[in-house]
């Protein structure tokens, strides 16, 4: 039974409640979740699922979980998921610790991690607030280590409703801890295909074919585990009864999951990528303004960099800024520029984006979804028009450009930033825009939901040279709006 520190819970809930204005009953629903949520839901909490189940906006749920983390109600984890099994390969408490390469001992694969494909940001209730049995990993039953702690159950086979973990459960021939300095024995009846073993905590694994005539007497497979890898003494096993003896010569306790894969899975040239329920990816979080404001110390390992499969960059530039400074003077012009920065910040935040940096009077913003960037660009022009009407002074005149594609998340000057050709093209596209215009690349214009957003605008296509692209590229100039 988990215990709750009532005084601490009340104190930290008050901090969250006062952090910003929330929709009605959001705080009470969140407190109910902390108090009565089941252990698995509270240990790998998904803000998108929280929003879906309670009829909340995704953006508000994400902000809620981020403020709760800042207040010490939740801990944030960067989990690397295997795309083929849903196994949590590694879980890190800080972005800086996330590595750019993953290994899955269960699927016997490795690859490059990408923030929007392989990294899920999950949240767990802080043990000081509510202590869960899953916080005490060393004393977990071996079944809970695997099914509750290390596997996400939302991954389904492509085009089906069948969860991969349900398929896997039927193939398990044993689970056990491997005490240091001891030999552990498992007994199983093997069918043709393959037998594999994996330590889900270290991704050490082995796989052997199971083939040939069925044995009537138990076959003995001796395996040495040294804390880093398994070394089986046989090259293959026959079908039939088997005794698996694993000797742990390493300094620490290990774990073993034994799986008997059928021939049809063994014969697959490539393992299918699972379809997961929506979750908060690392790529989504890095484009959240709330995250960047509350967690400024979160940075990518400077020696690594992390790939992002798709991110949309929006660049703005203040037209005539030199004349503005001459007309108003440095102090007044700077105050106006700061007001314009605040306007852009609010528009980006409203559409799930973030200001990455300012470059003089220019702004670079990032968005996880292409349509969000275009919606933000349209809102910016509307807000600038409104500001100019209400302000009564010198007008703010903006030029906007945007492009989407792959990038690398990096740390530059102690700031989360992006690097690569997509950034360069977005900046170049902005230079083609004139006052009050938005210029988009063809990749962005063709992205889901973008054309619908531009239905009330005048859109003109033209060809222009873009650095890094051979020949001219198609660019779309957007003016006007509904």
Protein backbone atom coordinates (compact mmCIF):
# COMPACT_ATOMS: atom_id res chain seq x y z
CA UNK A 1 0.00 0.00 0.00
CA UNK A 2 1.44 3.38 -0.99
CA UNK A 3 1.51 6.21 1.54
CA UNK A 4 0.86 9.93 0.96
CA UNK A 5 2.54 12.84 2.76
CA UNK A 6 -0.57 14.98 3.15
CA UNK A 7 1.22 18.15 4.23
CA UNK A 8 3.73 18.00 1.38
CA UNK A 9 1.02 17.17 -1.16
CA UNK A 10 -1.07 20.15 -0.08
CA UNK A 11 1.93 22.52 -0.17
CA UNK A 12 3.04 21.49 -3.65
CA UNK A 13 -0.49 21.38 -5.05
CA UNK A 14 -0.89 25.00 -3.92
CA UNK A 15 2.25 25.91 -5.87
CA UNK A 16 0.84 24.32 -9.02
CA UNK A 17 -2.54 25.98 -8.56
CA UNK A 18 -0.90 29.40 -8.29
CA UNK A 19 1.49 28.88 -11.22
CA UNK A 20 -1.02 30.09 -13.83
CA UNK A 21 -4.73 30.28 -14.60
CA UNK A 22 -6.19 26.80 -15.14
CA UNK A 23 -9.45 25.60 -16.60
CA UNK A 24 -12.19 24.78 -14.06
CA UNK A 25 -11.61 21.62 -12.00
CA UNK A 26 -8.20 20.86 -13.57
CA UNK A 27 -6.41 21.06 -10.24
CA UNK A 28 -8.97 18.88 -8.43
CA UNK A 29 -8.78 16.26 -11.18
CA UNK A 30 -5.01 16.27 -10.99
CA UNK A 31 -5.04 15.88 -7.20
CA UNK A 32 -7.46 12.97 -7.51
CA UNK A 33 -5.05 11.38 -9.99
CA UNK A 34 -2.14 11.77 -7.55
CA UNK A 35 -4.15 10.36 -4.67
CA UNK A 36 -5.97 7.45 -6.29
CA UNK A 37 -4.22 6.65 -9.59
CA UNK A 38 -2.91 3.10 -9.88
CA UNK A 39 0.81 2.50 -9.53
CA UNK A 40 1.59 1.94 -13.22
CA UNK A 41 -0.32 5.05 -14.28
CA UNK A 42 1.46 7.14 -11.65
CA UNK A 43 4.91 5.76 -12.40
CA UNK A 44 4.77 6.31 -16.17
CA UNK A 45 2.17 9.06 -16.40
CA UNK A 46 1.32 10.26 -19.90
CA UNK A 47 -0.02 13.84 -20.01
CA UNK A 48 -1.66 13.22 -23.40
CA UNK A 49 -3.60 10.26 -21.99
CA UNK A 50 -4.46 12.36 -18.91
CA UNK A 51 -5.88 15.04 -21.21
CA UNK A 52 -7.80 12.54 -23.36
CA UNK A 53 -9.37 10.72 -20.42
CA UNK A 54 -10.47 13.94 -18.69
CA UNK A 55 -11.53 16.03 -21.68
CA UNK A 56 -8.70 18.55 -21.35
CA UNK A 57 -6.67 20.33 -24.00
CA UNK A 58 -3.32 18.61 -24.61
CA UNK A 59 -1.43 21.87 -24.23
CA UNK A 60 -2.92 22.54 -20.79
CA UNK A 61 -2.20 18.99 -19.61
CA UNK A 62 1.44 19.25 -20.71
CA UNK A 63 1.81 22.59 -18.92
CA UNK A 64 0.15 21.09 -15.84
CA UNK A 65 2.63 18.22 -15.69
CA UNK A 66 5.57 20.57 -16.25
CA UNK A 67 4.50 22.93 -13.47
CA UNK A 68 3.88 19.91 -11.20
CA UNK A 69 7.41 18.71 -11.91
CA UNK A 70 8.79 22.15 -11.15
CA UNK A 71 6.88 22.14 -7.86
CA UNK A 72 8.27 18.72 -6.91
CA UNK A 73 5.02 16.78 -7.24
CA UNK A 74 6.31 14.78 -10.22
CA UNK A 75 9.64 13.57 -11.53
CA UNK A 76 10.29 13.79 -15.28
CA UNK A 77 11.92 10.94 -17.20
CA UNK A 78 13.32 10.71 -20.73
CA UNK A 79 12.56 7.11 -21.74
CA UNK A 80 14.11 5.48 -24.80
CA UNK A 81 11.56 3.05 -26.25
CA UNK A 82 12.26 0.15 -28.56
CA UNK A 83 10.02 0.83 -31.59
CA UNK A 84 9.46 -2.91 -32.13
CA UNK A 85 8.66 -4.10 -28.60
CA UNK A 86 7.75 -1.10 -26.45
CA UNK A 87 10.51 -2.06 -24.02
CA UNK A 88 11.85 0.90 -22.04
CA UNK A 89 15.49 0.45 -22.95
CA UNK A 90 16.80 3.20 -20.71
CA UNK A 91 15.26 5.91 -18.57
CA UNK A 92 17.10 9.14 -17.80
CA UNK A 93 16.31 11.83 -15.28
CA UNK A 94 17.91 14.57 -17.38
CA UNK A 95 18.02 15.38 -21.09
CA UNK A 96 21.79 15.75 -20.95
CA UNK A 97 22.12 12.04 -20.10
CA UNK A 98 20.17 10.82 -23.16
CA UNK A 99 22.42 9.12 -25.70
CA UNK A 100 22.08 9.22 -29.47
CA UNK A 101 22.24 5.41 -29.90
CA UNK A 102 20.03 2.62 -28.58
CA UNK A 103 20.38 -1.16 -28.21
CA UNK A 104 17.51 -3.60 -27.63
CA UNK A 105 18.57 -7.00 -26.33
CA UNK A 106 15.05 -8.38 -26.79
CA UNK A 107 14.81 -7.54 -30.50
CA UNK A 108 18.59 -7.89 -31.09
CA UNK A 109 18.76 -4.51 -32.84
CA UNK A 110 20.46 -1.16 -32.44
CA UNK A 111 19.95 2.24 -34.01
CA UNK A 112 19.98 6.00 -33.61
CA UNK A 113 17.56 7.64 -31.21
CA UNK A 114 15.42 10.48 -32.49
CA UNK A 115 13.60 12.84 -30.18
CA UNK A 116 10.25 12.51 -31.92
CA UNK A 117 10.32 8.77 -32.67
CA UNK A 118 12.07 6.92 -29.85
CA UNK A 119 12.06 9.17 -26.78
CA UNK A 120 8.96 9.38 -24.61
CA UNK A 121 8.85 11.93 -21.81
CA UNK A 122 6.97 10.32 -18.92
CA UNK A 123 6.27 11.48 -15.39
CA UNK A 124 6.14 9.70 -12.04
CA UNK A 125 4.77 10.88 -8.74
CA UNK A 126 7.64 12.01 -6.51
CA UNK A 127 8.39 9.35 -3.87
CA UNK A 128 8.42 12.05 -1.15
CA UNK A 129 4.77 12.80 -2.00
CA UNK A 130 3.46 9.29 -2.57
CA UNK A 131 5.71 6.28 -2.20
CA UNK A 132 5.01 3.51 -4.71
CA UNK A 133 6.27 -0.05 -4.69
CA UNK A 134 7.68 0.66 -8.19
CA UNK A 135 10.03 3.24 -6.66
CA UNK A 136 11.78 0.37 -4.85
CA UNK A 137 13.22 -1.47 -7.84
CA UNK A 138 15.46 -3.79 -5.81
CA UNK A 139 12.48 -5.34 -4.00
CA UNK A 140 10.11 -5.70 -6.95
CA UNK A 141 8.82 -9.16 -7.88
CA UNK A 142 10.45 -10.15 -11.16
CA UNK A 143 7.07 -10.05 -12.97
CA UNK A 144 6.51 -6.44 -11.87
CA UNK A 145 10.01 -5.48 -13.00
CA UNK A 146 9.12 -6.60 -16.50
CA UNK A 147 5.41 -5.95 -17.03
CA UNK A 148 4.88 -2.89 -14.83
CA UNK A 149 8.25 -1.14 -14.97
CA UNK A 150 10.02 -1.97 -18.24
CA UNK A 151 7.28 -2.49 -20.84
CA UNK A 152 4.74 0.01 -22.11
CA UNK A 153 1.51 -1.78 -22.97
CA UNK A 154 0.27 0.72 -25.56
CA UNK A 155 2.26 -0.63 -28.53
CA UNK A 156 0.03 -2.49 -31.00
CA UNK A 157 0.91 -4.58 -34.03
CA UNK A 158 0.59 -2.53 -37.25
CA UNK A 159 -3.01 -2.21 -38.40
CA UNK A 160 -4.29 -4.36 -35.52
CA UNK A 161 -5.67 -3.95 -32.02
CA UNK A 162 -3.38 -6.70 -30.69
CA UNK A 163 -0.91 -5.41 -28.13
CA UNK A 164 2.63 -6.67 -28.54
CA UNK A 165 2.97 -7.41 -24.81
CA UNK A 166 0.01 -9.79 -25.05
CA UNK A 167 1.76 -11.68 -27.85
CA UNK A 168 5.00 -11.68 -25.89
CA UNK A 169 3.37 -13.04 -22.72
CA UNK A 170 2.39 -16.18 -24.65
CA UNK A 171 6.00 -16.75 -25.72
CA UNK A 172 7.64 -16.39 -22.30
CA UNK A 173 9.19 -19.58 -20.95
CA UNK A 174 10.46 -18.12 -17.70
CA UNK A 175 11.48 -15.01 -15.75
CA UNK A 176 13.90 -14.87 -12.87
CA UNK A 177 16.44 -12.80 -11.04
CA UNK A 178 20.06 -13.94 -11.26
CA UNK A 179 21.76 -13.51 -7.88
CA UNK A 180 25.46 -12.63 -8.06
CA UNK A 181 27.77 -15.61 -7.62
CA UNK A 182 24.98 -18.17 -8.01
CA UNK A 183 23.55 -20.53 -10.62
CA UNK A 184 19.85 -20.19 -11.38
CA UNK A 185 17.86 -22.93 -13.11
CA UNK A 186 14.84 -22.57 -15.39
CA UNK A 187 12.86 -25.45 -16.94
CA UNK A 188 10.92 -25.06 -20.18
CA UNK A 189 9.41 -26.99 -23.06
CA UNK A 190 10.75 -25.58 -26.32
CA UNK A 191 9.00 -25.43 -29.68
CA UNK A 192 10.83 -25.01 -33.04
CA UNK A 193 12.01 -21.47 -33.82
CA UNK A 194 14.47 -19.81 -31.48
CA UNK A 195 15.14 -19.33 -27.79
CA UNK A 196 16.40 -16.00 -26.54
CA UNK A 197 17.21 -14.50 -23.19
CA UNK A 198 17.47 -10.83 -22.24
CA UNK A 199 18.23 -8.78 -19.18
CA UNK A 200 15.80 -5.88 -19.63
CA UNK A 201 17.84 -3.72 -17.25
CA UNK A 202 21.11 -3.90 -19.22
CA UNK A 203 19.97 -5.11 -22.69
CA UNK A 204 22.42 -8.01 -22.54
CA UNK A 205 20.95 -10.90 -24.52
CA UNK A 206 21.48 -14.11 -26.45
CA UNK A 207 19.57 -16.03 -29.11
CA UNK A 208 19.91 -19.66 -30.28
CA UNK A 209 18.01 -21.57 -32.98
CA UNK A 210 15.66 -24.33 -31.85
CA UNK A 211 15.61 -26.96 -34.61
CA UNK A 212 15.93 -30.63 -35.43
CA UNK A 213 14.18 -33.72 -34.08
CA UNK A 214 12.29 -33.32 -30.82
CA UNK A 215 14.23 -34.56 -27.79
CA UNK A 216 12.47 -36.90 -25.37
CA UNK A 217 14.90 -36.19 -22.54
CA UNK A 218 15.70 -32.74 -21.14
CA UNK A 219 18.46 -30.87 -22.97
CA UNK A 220 20.75 -28.83 -20.74
CA UNK A 221 21.82 -25.32 -21.77
CA UNK A 222 24.48 -23.73 -19.59
CA UNK A 223 24.85 -19.96 -19.87
CA UNK A 224 27.41 -17.71 -18.23
CA UNK A 225 26.39 -14.15 -17.38
CA UNK A 226 29.17 -11.75 -16.35
CA UNK A 227 27.06 -8.65 -15.80
CA UNK A 228 27.61 -7.39 -19.36
CA UNK A 229 26.72 -10.29 -21.64
CA UNK A 230 25.37 -13.82 -21.78
CA UNK A 231 27.58 -16.61 -23.17
CA UNK A 232 25.67 -19.83 -23.96
CA UNK A 233 27.67 -23.07 -24.11
CA UNK A 234 25.71 -24.51 -27.05
CA UNK A 235 25.17 -23.17 -30.59
CA UNK A 236 21.59 -24.50 -30.83
CA UNK A 237 18.88 -26.37 -28.95
CA UNK A 238 16.50 -29.16 -30.02
CA UNK A 239 12.74 -28.87 -29.47
CA UNK A 240 11.45 -30.54 -26.33
CA UNK A 241 12.09 -30.29 -22.59
CA UNK A 242 15.02 -28.08 -21.62
CA UNK A 243 16.93 -27.09 -18.50
CA UNK A 244 18.58 -23.67 -18.65
CA UNK A 245 21.30 -23.10 -16.04
CA UNK A 246 22.54 -19.51 -15.80
CA UNK A 247 25.63 -18.75 -13.71
CA UNK A 248 26.05 -15.10 -12.76
CA UNK A 249 29.77 -14.38 -12.35
CA UNK A 250 29.19 -10.62 -12.24
CA UNK A 251 29.24 -8.43 -9.11
CA UNK A 252 25.53 -7.55 -9.14
CA UNK A 253 22.18 -9.26 -9.42
CA UNK A 254 20.89 -9.63 -12.96
CA UNK A 255 17.55 -10.55 -14.48
CA UNK A 256 16.50 -12.95 -17.24
CA UNK A 257 13.46 -13.14 -19.48
CA UNK A 258 13.42 -16.37 -21.53
CA UNK A 259 11.45 -16.29 -24.81
CA UNK A 260 10.66 -19.06 -27.31
CA UNK A 261 10.10 -17.32 -30.66
CA UNK A 262 8.01 -19.20 -33.29
CA UNK A 263 9.42 -19.81 -36.81
CA UNK A 264 7.22 -17.14 -38.45
CA UNK A 265 8.72 -14.41 -36.24
CA UNK A 266 12.26 -15.76 -36.64
CA UNK A 267 11.82 -15.69 -40.44
CA UNK A 268 10.82 -12.00 -40.53
CA UNK A 269 13.43 -10.01 -42.48
CA UNK A 270 12.62 -6.94 -40.37
CA UNK A 271 10.59 -6.60 -37.21
CA UNK A 272 7.45 -4.44 -37.60
CA UNK A 273 7.32 -1.04 -35.99
CA UNK A 274 4.56 -0.88 -33.41
CA UNK A 275 1.78 1.70 -33.41
CA UNK A 276 1.79 3.45 -30.04
CA UNK A 277 -0.94 5.42 -28.35
CA UNK A 278 -0.03 9.13 -28.54
CA UNK A 279 2.62 10.17 -26.04
CA UNK A 280 4.68 13.26 -25.28
CA UNK A 281 7.85 12.87 -27.31
CA UNK A 282 11.13 14.58 -26.60
CA UNK A 283 10.73 16.47 -29.86
CA UNK A 284 7.36 17.83 -28.77
CA UNK A 285 8.68 18.89 -25.39
CA UNK A 286 11.66 20.80 -26.76
CA UNK A 287 9.26 23.00 -28.75
CA UNK A 288 7.17 23.85 -25.66
CA UNK A 289 7.70 27.35 -24.34
CA UNK A 290 6.73 26.30 -20.81
CA UNK A 291 9.44 23.64 -20.78
CA UNK A 292 12.10 26.06 -21.97
CA UNK A 293 11.11 28.61 -19.36
CA UNK A 294 10.82 26.26 -16.37
CA UNK A 295 13.73 23.96 -17.19
CA UNK A 296 16.48 26.18 -18.56
CA UNK A 297 19.12 23.83 -17.16
CA UNK A 298 17.89 20.95 -19.36
CA UNK A 299 20.38 20.68 -22.21
CA UNK A 300 21.51 18.18 -24.82
CA UNK A 301 24.91 16.58 -24.29
CA UNK A 302 27.24 18.96 -26.12
CA UNK A 303 29.25 16.06 -27.52
CA UNK A 304 26.19 14.19 -28.79
CA UNK A 305 23.33 16.17 -30.27
CA UNK A 306 20.01 14.38 -30.78
CA UNK A 307 18.23 13.87 -34.08
CA UNK A 308 14.72 15.18 -34.71
CA UNK A 309 12.90 13.59 -37.64
CA UNK A 310 10.69 16.59 -38.24
CA UNK A 311 10.57 20.06 -36.75
CA UNK A 312 9.21 23.29 -38.24
CA UNK A 313 11.21 26.48 -37.93
CA UNK A 314 9.67 29.92 -38.20
CA UNK A 315 11.83 33.02 -38.64
CA UNK A 316 10.60 36.58 -38.30
CA UNK A 317 12.39 39.84 -39.03
CA UNK A 318 11.46 43.39 -38.13
CA UNK A 319 11.41 45.43 -41.32
CA UNK A 320 12.80 48.94 -41.06
CA UNK A 321 14.26 48.49 -37.60
CA UNK A 322 17.14 50.89 -38.29
CA UNK A 323 14.73 53.68 -39.14
CA UNK A 324 12.71 52.78 -36.05
CA UNK A 325 15.71 53.29 -33.77
CA UNK A 326 16.53 56.58 -35.49
CA UNK A 327 12.95 57.81 -35.14
CA UNK A 328 12.32 56.78 -31.52
CA UNK A 329 15.79 56.64 -30.03
CA UNK A 330 17.42 53.53 -28.65
CA UNK A 331 15.50 53.29 -25.40
CA UNK A 332 12.01 53.74 -26.82
CA UNK A 333 12.73 51.59 -29.86
CA UNK A 334 14.05 48.81 -27.65
CA UNK A 335 10.88 48.97 -25.52
CA UNK A 336 8.79 48.58 -28.68
CA UNK A 337 10.94 45.68 -29.86
CA UNK A 338 10.47 43.95 -26.50
CA UNK A 339 6.70 44.36 -26.83
CA UNK A 340 6.91 42.71 -30.23
CA UNK A 341 8.97 39.86 -28.74
CA UNK A 342 6.25 39.32 -26.11
CA UNK A 343 3.60 39.22 -28.84
CA UNK A 344 5.55 36.58 -30.76
CA UNK A 345 6.16 34.58 -27.59
CA UNK A 346 2.43 34.50 -26.80
CA UNK A 347 1.52 33.45 -30.35
CA UNK A 348 4.10 30.65 -30.35
CA UNK A 349 2.95 29.39 -26.93
CA UNK A 350 -0.70 29.40 -28.01
CA UNK A 351 0.15 27.07 -30.88
CA UNK A 352 2.43 24.65 -28.96
CA UNK A 353 5.67 26.27 -30.10
CA UNK A 354 8.62 27.99 -28.49
CA UNK A 355 10.92 30.90 -29.16
CA UNK A 356 14.34 29.29 -29.54
CA UNK A 357 16.31 32.53 -29.68
CA UNK A 358 16.35 36.13 -30.79
CA UNK A 359 18.95 37.38 -33.24
CA UNK A 360 18.99 41.14 -32.98
CA UNK A 361 15.42 42.10 -33.89
CA UNK A 362 14.74 38.71 -35.49
CA UNK A 363 13.18 35.65 -33.88
CA UNK A 364 13.64 31.92 -34.46
CA UNK A 365 10.78 29.71 -33.23
CA UNK A 366 10.29 25.94 -33.37
CA UNK A 367 7.14 23.81 -33.62
CA UNK A 368 6.62 20.07 -33.46
CA UNK A 369 3.71 20.09 -35.95
CA UNK A 370 3.89 22.00 -39.26
CA UNK A 371 0.29 23.23 -39.05
CA UNK A 372 0.98 24.76 -35.65
CA UNK A 373 3.79 26.89 -37.12
CA UNK A 374 1.56 28.18 -39.93
CA UNK A 375 -1.30 28.88 -37.50
CA UNK A 376 1.15 30.80 -35.31
CA UNK A 377 2.42 32.82 -38.31
CA UNK A 378 -1.13 33.81 -39.26
CA UNK A 379 -1.91 34.75 -35.66
CA UNK A 380 1.28 36.83 -35.44
CA UNK A 381 0.25 38.94 -38.42
CA UNK A 382 -3.23 39.41 -36.96
CA UNK A 383 -1.81 40.40 -33.57
CA UNK A 384 0.69 42.78 -35.16
CA UNK A 385 -2.15 44.49 -37.07
CA UNK A 386 -4.15 44.79 -33.85
CA UNK A 387 -1.12 46.11 -31.96
CA UNK A 388 -0.41 48.71 -34.61
CA UNK A 389 -4.03 49.91 -34.56
CA UNK A 390 -4.10 50.16 -30.77
CA UNK A 391 -0.57 51.45 -30.29
CA UNK A 392 -0.89 54.62 -32.34
CA UNK A 393 2.86 55.00 -32.75
CA UNK A 394 5.36 53.75 -35.32
CA UNK A 395 4.12 50.48 -36.80
CA UNK A 396 5.72 47.08 -36.31
CA UNK A 397 6.23 45.54 -39.74
CA UNK A 398 7.17 41.86 -39.85
CA UNK A 399 8.44 39.46 -42.50
CA UNK A 400 7.98 35.73 -41.80
CA UNK A 401 9.42 32.56 -43.32
CA UNK A 402 9.07 28.90 -42.36
CA UNK A 403 10.27 25.44 -43.40
CA UNK A 404 9.98 21.92 -41.97
CA UNK A 405 12.30 18.93 -42.03
CA UNK A 406 14.87 16.99 -40.01
CA UNK A 407 17.29 18.68 -37.65
CA UNK A 408 19.69 18.13 -34.78
CA UNK A 409 18.90 19.39 -31.28
CA UNK A 410 22.08 20.81 -29.76
CA UNK A 411 23.28 23.03 -26.93
CA UNK A 412 24.76 26.34 -28.07
CA UNK A 413 25.73 29.10 -25.65
CA UNK A 414 23.97 27.24 -22.82
CA UNK A 415 20.72 27.29 -24.78
CA UNK A 416 18.71 24.49 -26.39
CA UNK A 417 19.09 25.14 -30.10
CA UNK A 418 18.88 23.42 -33.47
CA UNK A 419 21.44 22.83 -36.17
CA UNK A 420 21.28 21.74 -39.80
CA UNK A 421 20.06 22.46 -43.29
CA UNK A 422 16.42 22.81 -42.30
CA UNK A 423 17.29 25.78 -40.08
CA UNK A 424 19.32 27.38 -42.87
CA UNK A 425 16.53 26.99 -45.43
CA UNK A 426 13.92 28.44 -43.05
CA UNK A 427 16.09 31.52 -42.49
CA UNK A 428 16.66 31.89 -46.23
CA UNK A 429 12.95 31.60 -47.02
CA UNK A 430 12.21 34.43 -44.61
CA UNK A 431 14.42 36.73 -46.66
CA UNK A 432 12.02 36.39 -49.63
CA UNK A 433 9.08 37.76 -47.64
CA UNK A 434 8.10 41.40 -47.79
CA UNK A 435 6.22 43.47 -45.21
CA UNK A 436 3.27 41.58 -43.76
CA UNK A 437 4.00 38.43 -45.77
CA UNK A 438 4.71 34.79 -44.93
CA UNK A 439 6.89 32.66 -47.19
CA UNK A 440 6.67 28.88 -46.94
CA UNK A 441 8.65 26.12 -48.60
CA UNK A 442 6.87 23.47 -50.63
CA UNK A 443 7.56 20.86 -47.93
CA UNK A 444 5.70 22.97 -45.39
CA UNK A 445 2.89 23.97 -47.74
CA UNK A 446 2.23 20.29 -48.50
CA UNK A 447 2.25 19.22 -44.84
CA UNK A 448 -1.01 17.93 -43.28
CA UNK A 449 -3.49 20.67 -42.38
CA UNK A 450 -1.53 23.58 -43.85
CA UNK A 451 -3.56 24.22 -47.01
CA UNK A 452 -6.76 24.21 -45.00
CA UNK A 453 -5.34 26.91 -42.70
CA UNK A 454 -4.49 29.06 -45.72
CA UNK A 455 -7.92 28.76 -47.36
CA UNK A 456 -8.75 32.36 -46.50
CA UNK A 457 -5.40 33.81 -47.62
CA UNK A 458 -3.94 34.78 -50.95
CA UNK A 459 -1.21 32.30 -51.87
CA UNK A 460 1.16 32.82 -54.79
CA UNK A 461 3.82 30.28 -55.78
CA UNK A 462 7.20 31.32 -57.18
CA UNK A 463 10.62 29.76 -57.71
CA UNK A 464 13.64 31.00 -55.81
CA UNK A 465 17.22 29.86 -55.12
CA UNK A 466 17.75 28.22 -51.73
CA UNK A 467 21.23 27.58 -50.43
CA UNK A 468 21.90 23.85 -50.24
CA UNK A 469 19.23 22.96 -52.81
CA UNK A 470 20.26 22.44 -56.41
CA UNK A 471 18.44 24.79 -58.80
CA UNK A 472 15.42 26.83 -57.77
CA UNK A 473 12.87 25.70 -55.21
CA UNK A 474 9.15 26.35 -55.08
CA UNK A 475 8.20 28.91 -52.42
CA UNK A 476 4.68 30.04 -51.46
CA UNK A 477 4.01 33.68 -50.60
CA UNK A 478 1.03 34.16 -48.25
CA UNK A 479 -0.69 37.51 -47.93
CA UNK A 480 -4.05 38.63 -46.57
CA UNK A 481 -6.17 36.44 -44.36
CA UNK A 482 -9.70 35.78 -43.24
